[in-house]
Amino acid sequence: MAENSPAMGSNDREQGPRRAQVLDKLIGDAPSFVQVRDQLSRLSESEATVLIAGETGTGKELTARALHYLSSRAGFPFVAVNCAALPDTLLEDELFGHERGAFTDAHAHRQGLLAQADNGTIFLDEVECLTPRAQGALLRVLHDRTFRVLGSSIERSVNVRFVAATNVDLADLVRRGVFRADLFYRLRVLWLELPPLRNRRDDIPLLSRHFLTKHARRGRPGPALTAAASRALLDFTWPGNVRELENAIIRALHLADDGVIEPGHLGLPAGSPGVTGSTAFGDGRLSLKESKRRLVDAFEREYLARLIVESGGNVTKAALFAQKDRRELGKLLKKHGLSAKTSRAS
């Protein structure tokens, strides 16, 4: 064991079952996904920082948890931090904590997330959303694993492993001057790239069966997918990846009658392969130009609607995902009658 590695926790007897529970959720036999599972075992033996990249819904937090429970830190806390929800005004307080009297409302000592994760793993989700100030604060902790509690003059050390996740190209953000290069290289010591569901289509039936079993009502046999529904699942592109597939199965379980799931129960967009209903662009009686215009408009609206939902209604974050100027994205949203409220209505 490395000198800086934590000793095993008092509850190491629970690690075997816990590891199995986490790894059992990493479902898939596609070569690209099997490769990720194989890499997990190797990376879990290291203390180095890991950057997990992958589209929304590909299972980045699940992968981070697997890294933790496969490691010698498994008996200690796994603390997840949503970087998109860390405003500058609360950044130091959330990460470092505060002493009593550090500021007006500091009536008692408060332990920060770093201290809570001591000897364990801290998971920085959506790390691309960190503000410049937050990037600077994180860089220092990554450098020497020390921090200062608000209201204290004492430097404190923390023994944590950092795992970060992003669904954008951080290297591109570095090139554009949006993300600090020094922080990027400290985060990307080791890395994993999670494949999108469209690149592991052979896993869709396996995942579908898993979600049907997982979400079936207790004491009742779950509905079965018809051949047409199974084909619709295989033919759809799944921009929201495994999470979107799970949501489609949950929706179908609530809507299905007579113990069978038809394509219409899945809630896939009209015009998707295998889904009945009119297409987004009409029929062959339209001109090629008009059909193309309608198709592009339908794609834009569908993409933007999903984008604003995935970004939690945060237009700045949505613009970052889309790699567009915030003002330009705002114009597109207005064109299609969409706004930040779309995410709250979905």
Protein backbone atom coordinates (compact mmCIF):
# COMPACT_ATOMS: atom_id res chain seq x y z
CA MET A 1 0.00 0.00 0.00
CA ALA A 2 1.31 3.46 -0.89
CA GLU A 3 2.47 5.63 1.97
CA ASN A 4 -0.29 8.18 1.36
CA SER A 5 -3.06 5.62 1.00
CA PRO A 6 -5.62 5.46 3.80
CA ALA A 7 -5.83 2.43 6.01
CA MET A 8 -8.84 0.25 5.40
CA GLY A 9 -11.92 1.46 7.26
CA SER A 10 -13.53 -0.32 10.17
CA ASN A 11 -16.32 -1.49 7.87
CA ASP A 12 -14.11 -3.23 5.29
CA ARG A 13 -16.20 -6.39 5.71
CA GLU A 14 -18.95 -4.54 3.86
CA GLN A 15 -16.72 -3.71 0.91
CA GLY A 16 -17.26 -6.99 -0.94
CA PRO A 17 -21.06 -6.65 -1.10
CA ARG A 18 -20.78 -2.93 -1.80
CA ARG A 19 -18.36 -3.47 -4.67
CA ALA A 20 -20.62 -6.11 -6.14
CA GLN A 21 -23.65 -3.82 -5.88
CA VAL A 22 -21.87 -0.99 -7.71
CA LEU A 23 -20.30 -3.17 -10.39
CA ASP A 24 -23.61 -4.98 -11.00
CA LYS A 25 -25.02 -1.62 -12.10
CA LEU A 26 -22.34 -1.26 -14.79
CA ILE A 27 -24.39 -3.23 -17.29
CA GLY A 28 -23.16 -3.99 -20.78
CA ASP A 29 -21.29 -6.45 -22.95
CA ALA A 30 -20.36 -4.13 -25.83
CA PRO A 31 -16.57 -4.07 -26.40
CA SER A 32 -16.33 -0.31 -25.74
CA PHE A 33 -18.07 -0.72 -22.38
CA VAL A 34 -16.16 -3.86 -21.40
CA GLN A 35 -12.99 -1.86 -21.98
CA VAL A 36 -14.20 0.80 -19.52
CA ARG A 37 -14.90 -1.85 -16.87
CA ASP A 38 -11.43 -3.32 -17.37
CA GLN A 39 -9.84 0.13 -17.01
CA LEU A 40 -11.75 0.71 -13.78
CA SER A 41 -9.90 -2.07 -11.99
CA ARG A 42 -6.52 -0.66 -12.98
CA LEU A 43 -7.39 2.95 -12.18
CA SER A 44 -8.85 2.05 -8.79
CA GLU A 45 -5.39 0.88 -7.65
CA SER A 46 -3.97 4.37 -8.16
CA GLU A 47 -4.19 7.45 -5.97
CA ALA A 48 -3.97 9.79 -8.96
CA THR A 49 -6.78 12.15 -9.95
CA VAL A 50 -9.17 10.79 -12.59
CA LEU A 51 -11.18 12.74 -15.18
CA ILE A 52 -14.27 10.94 -16.48
CA ALA A 53 -15.56 12.27 -19.79
CA GLY A 54 -18.83 11.35 -21.45
CA GLU A 55 -22.11 12.70 -22.72
CA THR A 56 -25.00 13.43 -20.41
CA GLY A 57 -26.60 10.24 -19.13
CA THR A 58 -23.68 7.88 -19.80
CA GLY A 59 -23.15 7.03 -16.11
CA LYS A 60 -20.27 9.22 -14.96
CA GLU A 61 -21.23 9.30 -11.26
CA LEU A 62 -21.87 5.57 -11.27
CA THR A 63 -18.39 5.07 -12.73
CA ALA A 64 -16.88 7.38 -10.08
CA ARG A 65 -18.57 5.36 -7.33
CA ALA A 66 -17.19 2.17 -8.83
CA LEU A 67 -13.69 3.67 -8.74
CA HIS A 68 -14.18 4.50 -5.07
CA TYR A 69 -15.58 1.13 -3.97
CA LEU A 70 -12.89 -0.79 -5.86
CA SER A 71 -10.16 1.20 -4.11
CA SER A 72 -8.56 1.02 -0.67
CA ARG A 73 -10.67 4.08 0.23
CA ALA A 74 -13.94 2.11 0.03
CA GLY A 75 -14.43 2.14 3.81
CA PHE A 76 -14.43 5.94 3.85
CA PRO A 77 -16.85 8.56 2.46
CA PHE A 78 -17.68 9.17 -1.18
CA VAL A 79 -18.73 12.82 -1.40
CA ALA A 80 -20.34 14.09 -4.61
CA VAL A 81 -20.22 17.80 -5.45
CA ASN A 82 -22.32 19.41 -8.18
CA CYS A 83 -19.97 22.12 -9.43
CA ALA A 84 -22.78 23.82 -11.36
CA ALA A 85 -24.49 24.54 -8.02
CA LEU A 86 -21.47 26.16 -6.37
CA PRO A 87 -21.85 29.96 -6.57
CA ASP A 88 -18.77 32.04 -5.81
CA THR A 89 -20.39 33.43 -2.67
CA LEU A 90 -20.69 29.96 -1.11
CA LEU A 91 -17.70 28.25 -2.69
CA GLU A 92 -15.20 28.42 0.18
CA ASP A 93 -17.88 27.77 2.78
CA GLU A 94 -19.12 24.64 0.98
CA LEU A 95 -15.67 23.21 0.28
CA PHE A 96 -13.69 24.38 3.30
CA GLY A 97 -16.31 25.00 6.01
CA HIS A 98 -16.19 27.78 8.60
CA GLU A 99 -15.45 28.49 12.24
CA ARG A 100 -18.02 29.97 14.56
CA GLY A 101 -18.12 33.74 14.12
CA ALA A 102 -16.38 33.67 10.72
CA PHE A 103 -19.21 35.82 9.34
CA THR A 104 -22.57 37.19 10.47
CA ASP A 105 -24.61 33.98 10.28
CA ALA A 106 -21.82 31.62 11.33
CA HIS A 107 -23.32 30.60 14.70
CA ALA A 108 -21.47 27.28 14.90
CA HIS A 109 -18.55 25.43 13.38
CA ARG A 110 -19.40 23.88 10.01
CA GLN A 111 -17.38 21.12 8.40
CA GLY A 112 -16.78 21.56 4.68
CA LEU A 113 -17.08 18.92 1.97
CA LEU A 114 -13.32 18.39 1.79
CA ALA A 115 -13.13 17.48 5.49
CA GLN A 116 -16.19 15.26 5.12
CA ALA A 117 -14.41 13.32 2.38
CA ASP A 118 -11.17 12.87 4.34
CA ASN A 119 -9.54 9.50 3.55
CA GLY A 120 -12.21 8.94 0.92
CA THR A 121 -13.09 10.25 -2.53
CA ILE A 122 -14.50 13.60 -3.57
CA PHE A 123 -16.36 13.59 -6.88
CA LEU A 124 -16.52 16.88 -8.80
CA ASP A 125 -19.41 16.54 -11.23
CA GLU A 126 -19.83 19.04 -14.10
CA VAL A 127 -16.38 20.42 -13.36
CA GLU A 128 -16.56 22.55 -16.52
CA CYS A 129 -19.08 24.80 -14.74
CA LEU A 130 -16.59 26.05 -12.13
CA THR A 131 -16.16 29.81 -12.21
CA PRO A 132 -12.65 31.28 -12.58
CA ARG A 133 -12.54 31.92 -8.83
CA ALA A 134 -13.61 28.37 -8.07
CA GLN A 135 -11.01 27.00 -10.48
CA GLY A 136 -8.30 28.89 -8.62
CA ALA A 137 -9.45 27.64 -5.22
CA LEU A 138 -9.60 24.05 -6.45
CA LEU A 139 -6.18 24.25 -8.09
CA ARG A 140 -4.52 25.02 -4.76
CA VAL A 141 -6.15 22.07 -3.00
CA LEU A 142 -5.19 19.74 -5.84
CA HIS A 143 -1.62 20.99 -5.65
CA ASP A 144 -0.85 20.32 -1.98
CA ARG A 145 -4.06 18.91 -0.43
CA THR A 146 -4.22 21.80 2.06
CA PHE A 147 -6.94 24.34 2.77
CA ARG A 148 -7.96 26.91 5.34
CA VAL A 149 -11.35 26.87 7.08
CA LEU A 150 -13.09 30.25 6.88
CA GLY A 151 -12.34 32.23 10.04
CA SER A 152 -9.22 30.18 10.84
CA SER A 153 -5.56 31.01 10.31
CA ILE A 154 -4.48 27.37 10.41
CA GLU A 155 -3.63 25.44 7.26
CA ARG A 156 -5.23 22.00 7.32
CA SER A 157 -4.34 19.00 5.23
CA VAL A 158 -6.78 16.52 3.75
CA ASN A 159 -6.22 13.04 2.36
CA VAL A 160 -8.72 12.65 -0.48
CA ARG A 161 -8.72 11.30 -3.98
CA PHE A 162 -10.22 13.62 -6.58
CA VAL A 163 -12.41 12.27 -9.37
CA ALA A 164 -13.91 14.81 -11.78
CA ALA A 165 -16.46 14.46 -14.56
CA THR A 166 -17.39 16.51 -17.60
CA ASN A 167 -19.71 16.19 -20.60
CA VAL A 168 -17.89 18.78 -22.70
CA ASP A 169 -14.48 18.91 -24.33
CA LEU A 170 -12.38 20.50 -21.58
CA ALA A 171 -9.37 20.77 -23.88
CA ASP A 172 -11.47 22.95 -26.19
CA LEU A 173 -12.49 25.14 -23.23
CA VAL A 174 -8.79 25.54 -22.41
CA ARG A 175 -8.06 26.60 -26.00
CA ARG A 176 -10.89 29.15 -25.78
CA GLY A 177 -9.59 30.53 -22.49
CA VAL A 178 -12.69 29.45 -20.55
CA PHE A 179 -10.98 26.81 -18.40
CA ARG A 180 -7.55 27.05 -16.76
CA ALA A 181 -4.92 24.93 -18.47
CA ASP A 182 -3.05 24.23 -15.21
CA LEU A 183 -6.24 22.93 -13.59
CA PHE A 184 -7.08 20.82 -16.65
CA TYR A 185 -3.72 19.03 -16.52
CA ARG A 186 -4.03 18.42 -12.78
CA LEU A 187 -7.47 16.89 -13.26
CA ARG A 188 -6.55 14.79 -16.28
CA VAL A 189 -3.77 12.66 -14.81
CA LEU A 190 -5.78 9.52 -15.52
CA TRP A 191 -8.94 9.53 -17.60
CA LEU A 192 -11.88 7.46 -18.75
CA GLU A 193 -14.05 8.08 -21.81
CA LEU A 194 -17.56 6.64 -21.46
CA PRO A 195 -19.13 5.56 -24.77
CA PRO A 196 -22.53 6.98 -25.77
CA LEU A 197 -25.39 4.49 -26.00
CA ARG A 198 -25.58 4.85 -29.80
CA ASN A 199 -22.08 3.32 -29.95
CA ARG A 200 -23.09 0.30 -27.85
CA ARG A 201 -26.47 -0.60 -29.35
CA ASP A 202 -26.03 -4.29 -28.55
CA ASP A 203 -26.44 -3.33 -24.88
CA ILE A 204 -29.89 -1.75 -25.38
CA PRO A 205 -31.87 -5.03 -24.96
CA LEU A 206 -29.83 -5.93 -21.87
CA LEU A 207 -30.32 -2.49 -20.32
CA SER A 208 -34.02 -2.48 -21.22
CA ARG A 209 -34.61 -5.78 -19.45
CA HIS A 210 -32.70 -4.50 -16.42
CA PHE A 211 -34.84 -1.35 -16.20
CA LEU A 212 -38.07 -3.32 -16.74
CA THR A 213 -37.18 -5.49 -13.76
CA LYS A 214 -35.88 -2.61 -11.66
CA HIS A 215 -38.99 -0.45 -12.05
CA ALA A 216 -41.73 -3.09 -12.22
CA ARG A 217 -44.37 -2.66 -9.54
CA ARG A 218 -43.83 -4.94 -6.58
CA GLY A 219 -45.72 -8.18 -6.73
CA ARG A 220 -46.70 -7.69 -10.35
CA PRO A 221 -45.06 -9.10 -13.45
CA GLY A 222 -43.78 -6.27 -15.62
CA PRO A 223 -45.10 -5.70 -19.15
CA ALA A 224 -43.13 -7.17 -22.03
CA LEU A 225 -41.77 -5.25 -25.00
CA THR A 226 -43.37 -6.05 -28.33
CA ALA A 227 -41.09 -6.70 -31.28
CA ALA A 228 -41.97 -3.26 -32.64
CA ALA A 229 -41.10 -1.58 -29.33
CA SER A 230 -37.79 -3.44 -29.13
CA ARG A 231 -37.00 -2.31 -32.67
CA ALA A 232 -37.90 1.30 -31.80
CA LEU A 233 -35.48 1.16 -28.86
CA LEU A 234 -32.71 -0.17 -31.08
CA ASP A 235 -33.32 2.34 -33.87
CA PHE A 236 -33.51 5.48 -31.71
CA THR A 237 -30.33 7.58 -31.36
CA TRP A 238 -30.66 8.22 -27.57
CA PRO A 239 -29.14 11.69 -27.20
CA GLY A 240 -29.77 11.40 -23.45
CA ASN A 241 -28.04 7.98 -23.40
CA VAL A 242 -28.72 5.37 -20.67
CA ARG A 243 -30.60 7.85 -18.49
CA GLU A 244 -32.99 8.63 -21.33
CA LEU A 245 -33.49 4.92 -22.01
CA GLU A 246 -34.34 4.33 -18.36
CA ASN A 247 -36.83 7.22 -18.41
CA ALA A 248 -38.48 5.76 -21.54
CA ILE A 249 -38.90 2.39 -19.82
CA ILE A 250 -40.34 4.02 -16.68
CA ARG A 251 -42.80 5.97 -18.82
CA ALA A 252 -43.82 2.84 -20.73
CA LEU A 253 -44.40 0.87 -17.52
CA HIS A 254 -46.92 3.49 -16.42
CA LEU A 255 -48.72 3.68 -19.76
CA ALA A 256 -48.71 0.07 -21.00
CA ASP A 257 -51.98 -1.88 -21.04
CA ASP A 258 -52.61 -5.62 -21.24
CA GLY A 259 -49.07 -6.47 -20.21
CA VAL A 260 -47.38 -5.29 -23.41
CA ILE A 261 -45.33 -2.24 -24.28
CA GLU A 262 -45.91 -0.79 -27.74
CA PRO A 263 -43.68 1.84 -29.44
CA GLY A 264 -46.14 4.62 -28.58
CA HIS A 265 -45.74 3.93 -24.85
CA LEU A 266 -42.04 4.81 -24.95
CA GLY A 267 -42.60 8.51 -25.56
CA LEU A 268 -40.01 8.76 -28.31
CA PRO A 269 -40.32 11.78 -30.64
CA ALA A 270 -42.79 11.42 -33.49
CA GLY A 271 -40.93 10.55 -36.65
CA SER A 272 -38.33 8.43 -34.88
CA PRO A 273 -37.74 5.07 -36.59
CA GLY A 274 -40.17 2.48 -35.28
CA VAL A 275 -42.55 5.06 -33.80
CA THR A 276 -45.98 5.49 -35.35
CA GLY A 277 -47.30 8.94 -36.14
CA SER A 278 -46.60 11.70 -38.61
CA THR A 279 -43.01 12.63 -39.26
CA ALA A 280 -41.59 15.97 -38.29
CA PHE A 281 -41.47 17.13 -41.89
CA GLY A 282 -44.78 16.06 -43.41
CA ASP A 283 -45.19 13.79 -46.42
CA GLY A 284 -43.94 13.39 -49.98
CA ARG A 285 -46.35 15.99 -51.32
CA LEU A 286 -44.10 18.76 -49.95
CA SER A 287 -41.22 20.18 -51.94
CA LEU A 288 -37.71 19.03 -51.05
CA LYS A 289 -36.84 22.53 -49.81
CA GLU A 290 -39.89 22.73 -47.53
CA SER A 291 -39.39 19.19 -46.21
CA LYS A 292 -35.76 20.00 -45.41
CA ARG A 293 -36.73 23.24 -43.65
CA ARG A 294 -39.31 21.47 -41.50
CA LEU A 295 -36.87 18.70 -40.63
CA VAL A 296 -34.17 21.16 -39.58
CA ASP A 297 -36.67 23.17 -37.51
CA ALA A 298 -37.93 20.02 -35.80
CA PHE A 299 -34.39 18.89 -35.04
CA GLU A 300 -33.45 22.33 -33.67
CA ARG A 301 -36.45 22.46 -31.38
CA GLU A 302 -35.98 18.91 -30.10
CA TYR A 303 -32.27 19.51 -29.50
CA LEU A 304 -32.85 22.83 -27.72
CA ALA A 305 -35.66 21.42 -25.56
CA ARG A 306 -33.41 18.58 -24.40
CA LEU A 307 -30.49 20.96 -23.95
CA ILE A 308 -32.39 23.30 -21.64
CA VAL A 309 -33.67 20.36 -19.58
CA GLU A 310 -30.21 18.81 -19.22
CA SER A 311 -28.74 22.16 -18.18
CA GLY A 312 -31.41 22.61 -15.49
CA GLY A 313 -32.74 25.77 -17.10
CA ASN A 314 -29.33 27.49 -16.89
CA VAL A 315 -28.94 29.26 -20.26
CA THR A 316 -25.25 30.01 -19.67
CA LYS A 317 -24.58 26.34 -19.00
CA ALA A 318 -26.72 25.34 -22.00
CA ALA A 319 -24.66 27.64 -24.22
CA LEU A 320 -21.51 25.99 -22.90
CA PHE A 321 -22.85 22.53 -23.77
CA ALA A 322 -23.92 23.67 -27.26
CA GLN A 323 -20.63 25.53 -27.79
CA LYS A 324 -22.53 28.62 -28.86
CA ASP A 325 -22.54 32.22 -27.76
CA ARG A 326 -25.12 32.78 -25.01
CA ARG A 327 -26.83 35.56 -26.98
CA GLU A 328 -27.06 33.41 -30.12
CA LEU A 329 -28.53 30.54 -28.11
CA GLY A 330 -31.06 32.93 -26.60
CA LYS A 331 -32.22 33.93 -30.08
CA LEU A 332 -32.65 30.29 -31.08
CA LEU A 333 -34.66 29.55 -27.94
CA LYS A 334 -36.91 32.53 -28.64
CA LYS A 335 -37.37 31.40 -32.25
CA HIS A 336 -38.74 28.06 -31.06
CA GLY A 337 -40.76 29.46 -28.17
CA LEU A 338 -38.51 27.92 -25.53
CA SER A 339 -37.06 29.35 -22.33
CA ALA A 340 -35.47 28.32 -19.05
CA LYS A 341 -38.98 27.46 -17.81
CA THR A 342 -38.97 24.52 -20.21
CA SER A 343 -36.78 22.57 -17.81
CA ARG A 344 -39.15 23.10 -14.90
CA ALA A 345 -42.12 21.99 -16.92
CA SER A 346 -40.46 18.78 -18.12
